[in-house]
Amino acid sequence: MARKVLIIEDDSNIAQLLHLYLEKEGFETCVARDGGKGVEMFRGFQPDLVLLDIMLPVMDGWGVLRKIREESATPVIMLTAKGEVEDRVSGLESGADDYIVKPFEMKEVLARIHAVLRRVGPDEESTEKRLSFDKLTINLDAYELLVDGQRVDTPPKELELLFHLAASPNRVFTRNQLLDEVWGFDYFGDSRTVDVHIKRLREKLEGVSERWCLKTVWGVGYKFEVVG
């Protein structure tokens, strides 16, 4: 079963963005636009995790958090535009599990959700993010790339791109697909970004094995080709 996330956020753009991104990542979501509705939906939806804004109509985030903590230990990540240390300390002391300051990147939100869920219990949906091929290991859990047994320094986004391609061997991805699926909704760049990252990866992987390669499909995009 998919993990359930309740989003309590009155900004419709942010709420929609969180809903779309998390649904795409396999979560089941529900959105409440004020604190009173948030408490009501918490009881009915029974989420595995709550993303909770502080500045809310009807009942603010602190009030919602208190209500949740009166009856549940469900993990709560606070969302707020305020970055003051006092707010972060207050949130954590009130029983929040984590705190994210707006504006945030969706990748950060996802990483924090997975981290909190791992702390409170096993994630039934999670799988080890480690791929192995001839003379190549891509470990996204440790953000480590091993080429012919040697660790190769690789920036996170390059590693994420390589993992995404290699997780679906021989599947062709367009540049726009890769921008959307690797960089996410929060990225507004152009397709040359993908080309640059592929070029850097090829410099690290050139000639390592004849059983796989990063291949350009002209006029379409790229794929991680596995032979045999």
Protein backbone atom coordinates (compact mmCIF):
# COMPACT_ATOMS: atom_id res chain seq x y z
CA MET A 1 0.00 0.00 0.00
CA ALA A 2 1.09 3.55 -0.73
CA ARG A 3 2.16 5.72 2.19
CA LYS A 4 -0.34 8.51 2.93
CA VAL A 5 0.64 12.17 3.36
CA LEU A 6 -1.75 14.86 4.59
CA ILE A 7 -0.85 18.33 3.28
CA ILE A 8 -2.22 21.18 5.43
CA GLU A 9 -1.38 24.33 3.45
CA ASP A 10 -3.52 27.37 2.58
CA ASP A 11 -1.38 28.53 -0.37
CA SER A 12 -3.12 26.77 -3.28
CA ASN A 13 -0.02 26.85 -5.53
CA ILE A 14 2.22 25.23 -2.92
CA ALA A 15 -0.46 22.72 -1.95
CA GLN A 16 -0.99 21.71 -5.58
CA LEU A 17 2.74 21.43 -6.21
CA LEU A 18 3.21 19.18 -3.17
CA HIS A 19 0.17 17.09 -4.16
CA LEU A 20 1.38 16.57 -7.76
CA TYR A 21 4.97 15.79 -6.82
CA LEU A 22 4.15 13.37 -4.01
CA GLU A 23 1.48 11.57 -6.03
CA LYS A 24 4.04 11.16 -8.80
CA GLU A 25 6.47 9.67 -6.27
CA GLY A 26 3.91 7.05 -5.26
CA PHE A 27 2.33 8.62 -2.17
CA GLU A 28 -1.40 8.94 -1.58
CA THR A 29 -2.17 12.54 -0.61
CA CYS A 30 -4.98 14.62 0.78
CA VAL A 31 -5.04 18.44 1.05
CA ALA A 32 -6.60 20.68 3.71
CA ARG A 33 -6.63 24.47 3.23
CA ASP A 34 -7.14 25.52 6.87
CA GLY A 35 -6.18 24.24 10.30
CA GLY A 36 -9.67 23.22 11.40
CA LYS A 37 -10.20 21.15 8.27
CA GLY A 38 -6.69 19.75 8.71
CA VAL A 39 -7.53 18.32 12.14
CA GLU A 40 -10.79 16.87 10.78
CA MET A 41 -9.07 15.29 7.76
CA PHE A 42 -6.24 13.95 9.94
CA ARG A 43 -8.75 11.86 11.87
CA GLY A 44 -10.50 10.58 8.74
CA PHE A 45 -7.55 10.13 6.39
CA GLN A 46 -5.20 8.62 9.02
CA PRO A 47 -1.98 9.64 7.24
CA ASP A 48 1.48 8.19 7.75
CA LEU A 49 2.92 11.72 7.76
CA VAL A 50 1.68 15.33 7.85
CA LEU A 51 3.16 18.34 6.02
CA LEU A 52 1.92 21.26 8.12
CA ASP A 53 2.11 24.98 7.35
CA ILE A 54 2.32 27.32 10.37
CA MET A 55 0.42 30.36 9.07
CA LEU A 56 -3.07 28.92 8.54
CA PRO A 57 -6.62 30.30 8.76
CA VAL A 58 -9.13 29.03 11.39
CA MET A 59 -6.39 27.34 13.46
CA ASP A 60 -2.65 27.96 13.06
CA GLY A 61 -0.07 25.21 12.67
CA TRP A 62 0.86 25.21 16.35
CA GLY A 63 -2.78 24.56 17.29
CA VAL A 64 -3.06 21.78 14.71
CA LEU A 65 0.17 20.21 15.97
CA ARG A 66 -1.11 20.25 19.55
CA LYS A 67 -4.35 18.57 18.48
CA ILE A 68 -2.45 15.89 16.56
CA ARG A 69 -0.11 15.24 19.47
CA GLU A 70 -3.04 14.84 21.88
CA GLU A 71 -4.06 11.69 20.05
CA SER A 72 -1.22 10.50 17.80
CA ALA A 73 2.54 10.20 17.32
CA THR A 74 2.17 10.49 13.52
CA PRO A 75 5.27 12.30 12.17
CA VAL A 76 4.78 15.97 11.31
CA ILE A 77 7.03 18.15 9.15
CA MET A 78 6.42 21.88 9.59
CA LEU A 79 6.39 24.19 6.55
CA THR A 80 6.81 27.92 7.01
CA ALA A 81 8.15 31.06 5.41
CA LYS A 82 9.77 32.01 8.70
CA GLY A 83 13.42 31.06 9.10
CA GLU A 84 14.08 32.26 12.65
CA VAL A 85 15.82 29.84 14.99
CA GLU A 86 13.12 30.40 17.64
CA ASP A 87 10.44 29.07 15.29
CA ARG A 88 12.44 25.95 14.49
CA VAL A 89 13.13 25.29 18.18
CA SER A 90 9.51 25.97 19.11
CA GLY A 91 8.27 23.58 16.43
CA LEU A 92 10.57 20.76 17.46
CA GLU A 93 9.85 21.27 21.15
CA SER A 94 6.13 21.13 20.41
CA GLY A 95 6.50 17.69 18.89
CA ALA A 96 7.30 18.32 15.22
CA ASP A 97 9.65 15.79 13.63
CA ASP A 98 11.29 18.16 11.14
CA TYR A 99 11.08 21.70 9.84
CA ILE A 100 11.41 23.06 6.27
CA VAL A 101 11.71 26.75 5.48
CA LYS A 102 10.03 28.17 2.35
CA PRO A 103 10.95 28.52 -0.42
CA PHE A 104 12.04 24.89 -0.61
CA GLU A 105 13.02 22.48 -3.37
CA MET A 106 10.74 19.50 -3.89
CA LYS A 107 13.69 17.11 -3.82
CA GLU A 108 14.46 18.33 -0.30
CA VAL A 109 10.86 17.78 0.80
CA LEU A 110 10.91 14.23 -0.56
CA ALA A 111 14.27 13.46 1.07
CA ARG A 112 13.04 14.74 4.43
CA ILE A 113 9.81 12.75 4.17
CA HIS A 114 11.72 9.53 3.51
CA ALA A 115 14.20 10.31 6.31
CA VAL A 116 11.41 10.90 8.84
CA LEU A 117 9.52 7.77 7.76
CA ARG A 118 12.72 5.71 8.10
CA ARG A 119 13.19 7.03 11.63
CA VAL A 120 9.68 6.15 12.78
CA GLY A 121 9.47 2.76 11.08
CA PRO A 122 10.24 0.69 8.00
CA ASP A 123 8.93 2.04 4.72
CA GLU A 124 7.14 -0.80 2.98
CA GLU A 125 7.42 1.02 -0.31
CA SER A 126 11.14 1.72 -0.14
CA THR A 127 13.70 -0.35 -1.98
CA GLU A 128 17.47 -0.28 -1.82
CA LYS A 129 18.72 2.31 -4.26
CA ARG A 130 21.72 0.38 -5.50
CA LEU A 131 22.36 -0.87 -9.03
CA SER A 132 25.21 -3.12 -10.15
CA PHE A 133 26.52 -3.85 -13.64
CA ASP A 134 29.84 -5.12 -14.99
CA LYS A 135 32.55 -3.01 -13.30
CA LEU A 136 29.94 -0.45 -12.23
CA THR A 137 28.01 0.14 -8.99
CA ILE A 138 25.61 3.07 -8.56
CA ASN A 139 24.66 3.49 -4.91
CA LEU A 140 22.11 6.28 -4.45
CA ASP A 141 21.66 5.55 -0.73
CA ALA A 142 25.31 6.39 -0.08
CA TYR A 143 25.62 8.72 -3.12
CA GLU A 144 28.60 6.69 -4.27
CA LEU A 145 29.78 5.64 -7.73
CA LEU A 146 32.19 2.72 -8.06
CA VAL A 147 33.89 2.26 -11.42
CA ASP A 148 36.03 -0.88 -11.77
CA GLY A 149 36.16 -1.11 -7.98
CA GLN A 150 37.31 2.48 -7.49
CA ARG A 151 35.22 5.24 -5.96
CA VAL A 152 34.74 8.10 -8.42
CA ASP A 153 33.74 11.53 -7.12
CA THR A 154 30.42 12.38 -8.74
CA PRO A 155 28.13 15.36 -8.03
CA PRO A 156 24.69 14.33 -6.69
CA LYS A 157 22.74 15.38 -9.78
CA GLU A 158 25.04 13.42 -12.12
CA LEU A 159 24.61 10.35 -9.94
CA GLU A 160 20.83 10.77 -9.84
CA LEU A 161 20.75 11.09 -13.63
CA LEU A 162 22.86 7.96 -14.12
CA PHE A 163 20.76 6.00 -11.61
CA HIS A 164 17.54 7.07 -13.31
CA LEU A 165 18.78 5.91 -16.72
CA ALA A 166 20.33 2.67 -15.44
CA ALA A 167 17.21 1.76 -13.41
CA SER A 168 15.41 1.27 -16.75
CA PRO A 169 18.05 -0.36 -19.00
CA ASN A 170 17.60 0.18 -22.75
CA ARG A 171 14.68 2.58 -22.24
CA VAL A 172 15.04 5.84 -24.17
CA PHE A 173 14.36 9.05 -22.22
CA THR A 174 13.86 12.41 -23.88
CA ARG A 175 15.73 15.39 -22.47
CA ASN A 176 12.46 16.88 -21.21
CA GLN A 177 11.55 13.64 -19.45
CA LEU A 178 14.92 13.64 -17.70
CA LEU A 179 14.55 17.29 -16.70
CA ASP A 180 11.15 16.53 -15.23
CA GLU A 181 11.98 13.20 -13.58
CA VAL A 182 15.50 13.92 -12.30
CA TRP A 183 15.47 17.68 -11.70
CA GLY A 184 11.80 17.77 -10.71
CA PHE A 185 8.97 20.28 -10.80
CA ASP A 186 11.13 22.93 -9.14
CA TYR A 187 13.61 23.08 -12.03
CA PHE A 188 13.20 25.58 -14.83
CA GLY A 189 16.18 24.99 -17.10
CA ASP A 190 16.74 23.89 -20.67
CA SER A 191 17.68 20.59 -22.24
CA ARG A 192 21.36 21.53 -22.57
CA THR A 193 21.62 20.91 -18.83
CA VAL A 194 21.06 17.21 -19.52
CA ASP A 195 23.66 17.20 -22.32
CA VAL A 196 26.31 18.70 -20.04
CA HIS A 197 25.68 16.13 -17.31
CA ILE A 198 25.75 13.25 -19.81
CA LYS A 199 29.07 14.54 -21.19
CA ARG A 200 30.60 14.58 -17.70
CA LEU A 201 29.33 11.09 -16.94
CA ARG A 202 30.78 9.76 -20.19
CA GLU A 203 34.19 11.12 -19.24
CA LYS A 204 34.01 9.01 -16.08
CA LEU A 205 32.62 5.87 -17.74
CA GLU A 206 34.29 5.79 -21.17
CA GLY A 207 35.72 2.37 -22.06
CA VAL A 208 35.02 0.77 -18.68
CA SER A 209 32.93 -2.13 -20.02
CA GLU A 210 31.65 -3.49 -23.32
CA ARG A 211 28.48 -4.75 -21.64
CA TRP A 212 26.86 -1.35 -21.14
CA CYS A 213 27.16 2.27 -22.26
CA LEU A 214 25.49 5.65 -22.12
CA LYS A 215 24.07 5.97 -25.60
CA THR A 216 22.69 8.94 -27.50
CA VAL A 217 19.55 8.23 -29.51
CA TRP A 218 19.77 10.96 -32.11
CA GLY A 219 16.77 13.23 -32.28
CA VAL A 220 15.24 11.67 -29.18
CA GLY A 221 17.44 11.57 -26.08
CA TYR A 222 19.52 9.10 -24.10
CA LYS A 223 19.49 5.57 -22.75
CA PHE A 224 21.62 3.28 -20.60
CA GLU A 225 22.21 0.44 -23.04
CA VAL A 226 22.93 -3.01 -21.69
CA VAL A 227 24.31 -5.61 -24.12
CA GLY A 228 23.40 -9.25 -23.74
